[in-house]
Amino acid sequence: MGMRKPSSSWIDKGKELPNPRPDNYKIIRHHKSKSFLVIEIKYLDCINYEGRKILVFKCELEDLLKQKLIDPHFSDDKNFISPIARFEPTEEGWTAAVHMLNYFDESESDLSDEYKRR
């Protein structure tokens, strides 16, 4: 196993990366499961990972877009939809996020069936 090639997400000592502006983005792709949504988003003013992030939400894409601001950080603020998970912005990260959505949907169905039997 070799050393990992440094990417733009590595921080040089003494340099602080800016937070992405939640109103300055472009959605690259999305995948919707029964209850969950994964998006790959590019924050146009962000430099780590070239501004790309993979975020998982429990909502519809339309509801997320209505709020106009998509903050990649976790939050307890009930006024905004916040991600429930984040993944490395790579193909592996995208695949893992989609698998997580499918697993959660199956788990919810299994739990619903279990409660119906009681």
C-alpha atoms as a PDB file:
ATOM      1  CA  MET A   1       0.000   0.000   0.000  1.00  0.00           C
ATOM      2  CA  GLY A   2       1.557   3.289  -1.141  1.00  0.00           C
ATOM      3  CA  MET A   3       1.221   6.755   0.211  1.00  0.00           C
ATOM      4  CA  ARG A   4      -1.914   8.639  -0.629  1.00  0.00           C
ATOM      5  CA  LYS A   5      -1.456  11.428  -3.152  1.00  0.00           C
ATOM      6  CA  PRO A   6      -2.136  14.815  -1.560  1.00  0.00           C
ATOM      7  CA  SER A   7      -5.283  16.517  -2.795  1.00  0.00           C
ATOM      8  CA  SER A   8      -6.593  20.035  -2.582  1.00  0.00           C
ATOM      9  CA  SER A   9      -8.365  19.087   0.651  1.00  0.00           C
ATOM     10  CA  TRP A  10      -5.109  18.997   2.582  1.00  0.00           C
ATOM     11  CA  ILE A  11      -4.507  22.081   4.657  1.00  0.00           C
ATOM     12  CA  ASP A  12      -1.064  23.654   4.716  1.00  0.00           C
ATOM     13  CA  LYS A  13       0.028  24.667   8.168  1.00  0.00           C
ATOM     14  CA  GLY A  14      -1.041  28.205   8.865  1.00  0.00           C
ATOM     15  CA  LYS A  15      -3.688  28.299   6.102  1.00  0.00           C
ATOM     16  CA  GLU A  16      -7.345  28.177   6.993  1.00  0.00           C
ATOM     17  CA  LEU A  17      -9.820  27.147   4.316  1.00  0.00           C
ATOM     18  CA  PRO A  18     -12.932  29.314   3.964  1.00  0.00           C
ATOM     19  CA  ASN A  19     -16.370  27.903   4.687  1.00  0.00           C
ATOM     20  CA  PRO A  20     -18.474  27.500   1.551  1.00  0.00           C
ATOM     21  CA  ARG A  21     -21.208  30.066   1.024  1.00  0.00           C
ATOM     22  CA  PRO A  22     -24.508  28.151   1.247  1.00  0.00           C
ATOM     23  CA  ASP A  23     -26.034  30.293  -1.532  1.00  0.00           C
ATOM     24  CA  ASN A  24     -23.229  29.851  -4.077  1.00  0.00           C
ATOM     25  CA  TYR A  25     -23.472  26.317  -5.422  1.00  0.00           C
ATOM     26  CA  LYS A  26     -24.327  24.089  -8.347  1.00  0.00           C
ATOM     27  CA  ILE A  27     -25.892  20.660  -7.886  1.00  0.00           C
ATOM     28  CA  ILE A  28     -23.929  18.225 -10.025  1.00  0.00           C
ATOM     29  CA  ARG A  29     -26.096  15.130  -9.545  1.00  0.00           C
ATOM     30  CA  HIS A  30     -28.637  13.665  -7.170  1.00  0.00           C
ATOM     31  CA  HIS A  31     -30.183  10.315  -6.318  1.00  0.00           C
ATOM     32  CA  LYS A  32     -33.496   9.892  -4.510  1.00  0.00           C
ATOM     33  CA  SER A  33     -34.553   6.800  -2.660  1.00  0.00           C
ATOM     34  CA  LYS A  34     -37.882   6.273  -0.937  1.00  0.00           C
ATOM     35  CA  SER A  35     -37.110   8.518   2.046  1.00  0.00           C
ATOM     36  CA  PHE A  36     -33.641   9.919   1.452  1.00  0.00           C
ATOM     37  CA  LEU A  37     -31.725  12.105  -0.986  1.00  0.00           C
ATOM     38  CA  VAL A  38     -28.037  12.225  -1.833  1.00  0.00           C
ATOM     39  CA  ILE A  39     -26.589  15.138  -3.765  1.00  0.00           C
ATOM     40  CA  GLU A  40     -23.186  15.947  -5.137  1.00  0.00           C
ATOM     41  CA  ILE A  41     -22.833  19.687  -4.881  1.00  0.00           C
ATOM     42  CA  LYS A  42     -20.095  22.066  -5.957  1.00  0.00           C
ATOM     43  CA  TYR A  43     -19.640  25.188  -3.849  1.00  0.00           C
ATOM     44  CA  LEU A  44     -18.233  27.719  -6.288  1.00  0.00           C
ATOM     45  CA  ASP A  45     -16.217  29.651  -3.691  1.00  0.00           C
ATOM     46  CA  CYS A  46     -14.779  26.627  -1.886  1.00  0.00           C
ATOM     47  CA  ILE A  47     -11.320  25.247  -2.655  1.00  0.00           C
ATOM     48  CA  ASN A  48     -10.996  22.006  -0.691  1.00  0.00           C
ATOM     49  CA  TYR A  49     -11.889  19.025  -2.881  1.00  0.00           C
ATOM     50  CA  GLU A  50     -12.446  21.596  -5.637  1.00  0.00           C
ATOM     51  CA  GLY A  51     -15.581  22.668  -3.774  1.00  0.00           C
ATOM     52  CA  ARG A  52     -17.313  19.302  -4.217  1.00  0.00           C
ATOM     53  CA  LYS A  53     -19.277  17.647  -1.411  1.00  0.00           C
ATOM     54  CA  ILE A  54     -21.541  14.617  -1.180  1.00  0.00           C
ATOM     55  CA  LEU A  55     -24.390  15.200   1.254  1.00  0.00           C
ATOM     56  CA  VAL A  56     -27.272  13.006   2.420  1.00  0.00           C
ATOM     57  CA  PHE A  57     -30.615  14.472   3.465  1.00  0.00           C
ATOM     58  CA  LYS A  58     -33.950  13.070   4.591  1.00  0.00           C
ATOM     59  CA  CYS A  59     -36.136  15.174   2.319  1.00  0.00           C
ATOM     60  CA  GLU A  60     -37.238  15.745  -1.254  1.00  0.00           C
ATOM     61  CA  LEU A  61     -34.977  17.620  -3.674  1.00  0.00           C
ATOM     62  CA  GLU A  62     -37.718  20.197  -4.276  1.00  0.00           C
ATOM     63  CA  ASP A  63     -37.903  20.997  -0.545  1.00  0.00           C
ATOM     64  CA  LEU A  64     -34.137  21.390  -0.338  1.00  0.00           C
ATOM     65  CA  LEU A  65     -34.078  23.731  -3.346  1.00  0.00           C
ATOM     66  CA  LYS A  66     -36.960  25.845  -1.961  1.00  0.00           C
ATOM     67  CA  GLN A  67     -34.846  26.930   0.984  1.00  0.00           C
ATOM     68  CA  LYS A  68     -32.212  28.258  -1.480  1.00  0.00           C
ATOM     69  CA  LEU A  69     -29.392  27.881   1.085  1.00  0.00           C
ATOM     70  CA  ILE A  70     -27.717  24.478   1.278  1.00  0.00           C
ATOM     71  CA  ASP A  71     -25.244  24.467   4.140  1.00  0.00           C
ATOM     72  CA  PRO A  72     -22.986  21.381   4.166  1.00  0.00           C
ATOM     73  CA  HIS A  73     -22.584  21.542   7.942  1.00  0.00           C
ATOM     74  CA  PHE A  74     -24.712  19.635  10.434  1.00  0.00           C
ATOM     75  CA  SER A  75     -27.158  21.796  12.340  1.00  0.00           C
ATOM     76  CA  ASP A  76     -29.958  21.510  14.889  1.00  0.00           C
ATOM     77  CA  ASP A  77     -31.705  24.563  13.387  1.00  0.00           C
ATOM     78  CA  LYS A  78     -35.225  23.344  12.558  1.00  0.00           C
ATOM     79  CA  ASN A  79     -35.721  26.247  10.123  1.00  0.00           C
ATOM     80  CA  PHE A  80     -33.362  24.686   7.583  1.00  0.00           C
ATOM     81  CA  ILE A  81     -32.888  21.205   6.201  1.00  0.00           C
ATOM     82  CA  SER A  82     -29.497  19.959   7.343  1.00  0.00           C
ATOM     83  CA  PRO A  83     -27.510  16.977   6.039  1.00  0.00           C
ATOM     84  CA  ILE A  84     -27.655  13.776   8.071  1.00  0.00           C
ATOM     85  CA  ALA A  85     -24.395  12.435   6.582  1.00  0.00           C
ATOM     86  CA  ARG A  86     -21.464  13.510   4.424  1.00  0.00           C
ATOM     87  CA  PHE A  87     -19.163  11.431   2.266  1.00  0.00           C
ATOM     88  CA  GLU A  88     -15.810  11.990   0.606  1.00  0.00           C
ATOM     89  CA  PRO A  89     -16.491  13.588  -2.810  1.00  0.00           C
ATOM     90  CA  THR A  90     -15.201  10.683  -4.899  1.00  0.00           C
ATOM     91  CA  GLU A  91     -16.895   7.930  -6.902  1.00  0.00           C
ATOM     92  CA  GLU A  92     -16.359   5.647  -3.899  1.00  0.00           C
ATOM     93  CA  GLY A  93     -18.050   8.212  -1.673  1.00  0.00           C
ATOM     94  CA  TRP A  94     -20.980   8.543  -4.084  1.00  0.00           C
ATOM     95  CA  THR A  95     -21.409   4.764  -4.258  1.00  0.00           C
ATOM     96  CA  ALA A  96     -21.260   4.464  -0.455  1.00  0.00           C
ATOM     97  CA  ALA A  97     -23.890   7.218  -0.057  1.00  0.00           C
ATOM     98  CA  VAL A  98     -26.275   5.537  -2.519  1.00  0.00           C
ATOM     99  CA  HIS A  99     -25.791   2.184  -0.755  1.00  0.00           C
ATOM    100  CA  MET A 100     -26.531   3.867   2.580  1.00  0.00           C
ATOM    101  CA  LEU A 101     -29.793   5.259   1.179  1.00  0.00           C
ATOM    102  CA  ASN A 102     -30.845   1.830  -0.030  1.00  0.00           C
ATOM    103  CA  TYR A 103     -29.916   0.264   3.316  1.00  0.00           C
ATOM    104  CA  PHE A 104     -31.869   2.888   5.281  1.00  0.00           C
ATOM    105  CA  ASP A 105     -34.930   2.410   3.067  1.00  0.00           C
ATOM    106  CA  GLU A 106     -34.781  -1.374   3.559  1.00  0.00           C
ATOM    107  CA  SER A 107     -34.278  -0.952   7.303  1.00  0.00           C
ATOM    108  CA  GLU A 108     -37.263   1.399   7.569  1.00  0.00           C
ATOM    109  CA  SER A 109     -39.421  -1.129   5.711  1.00  0.00           C
ATOM    110  CA  ASP A 110     -38.234  -3.919   7.994  1.00  0.00           C
ATOM    111  CA  LEU A 111     -39.002  -1.828  11.084  1.00  0.00           C
ATOM    112  CA  SER A 112     -42.432  -0.868   9.743  1.00  0.00           C
ATOM    113  CA  ASP A 113     -43.241  -4.528   9.074  1.00  0.00           C
ATOM    114  CA  GLU A 114     -42.077  -5.473  12.585  1.00  0.00           C
ATOM    115  CA  TYR A 115     -44.355  -2.840  14.179  1.00  0.00           C
ATOM    116  CA  LYS A 116     -47.313  -3.980  12.049  1.00  0.00           C
ATOM    117  CA  ARG A 117     -46.921  -7.542  13.369  1.00  0.00           C
ATOM    118  CA  ARG A 118     -47.088  -6.424  17.014  1.00  0.00           C
END
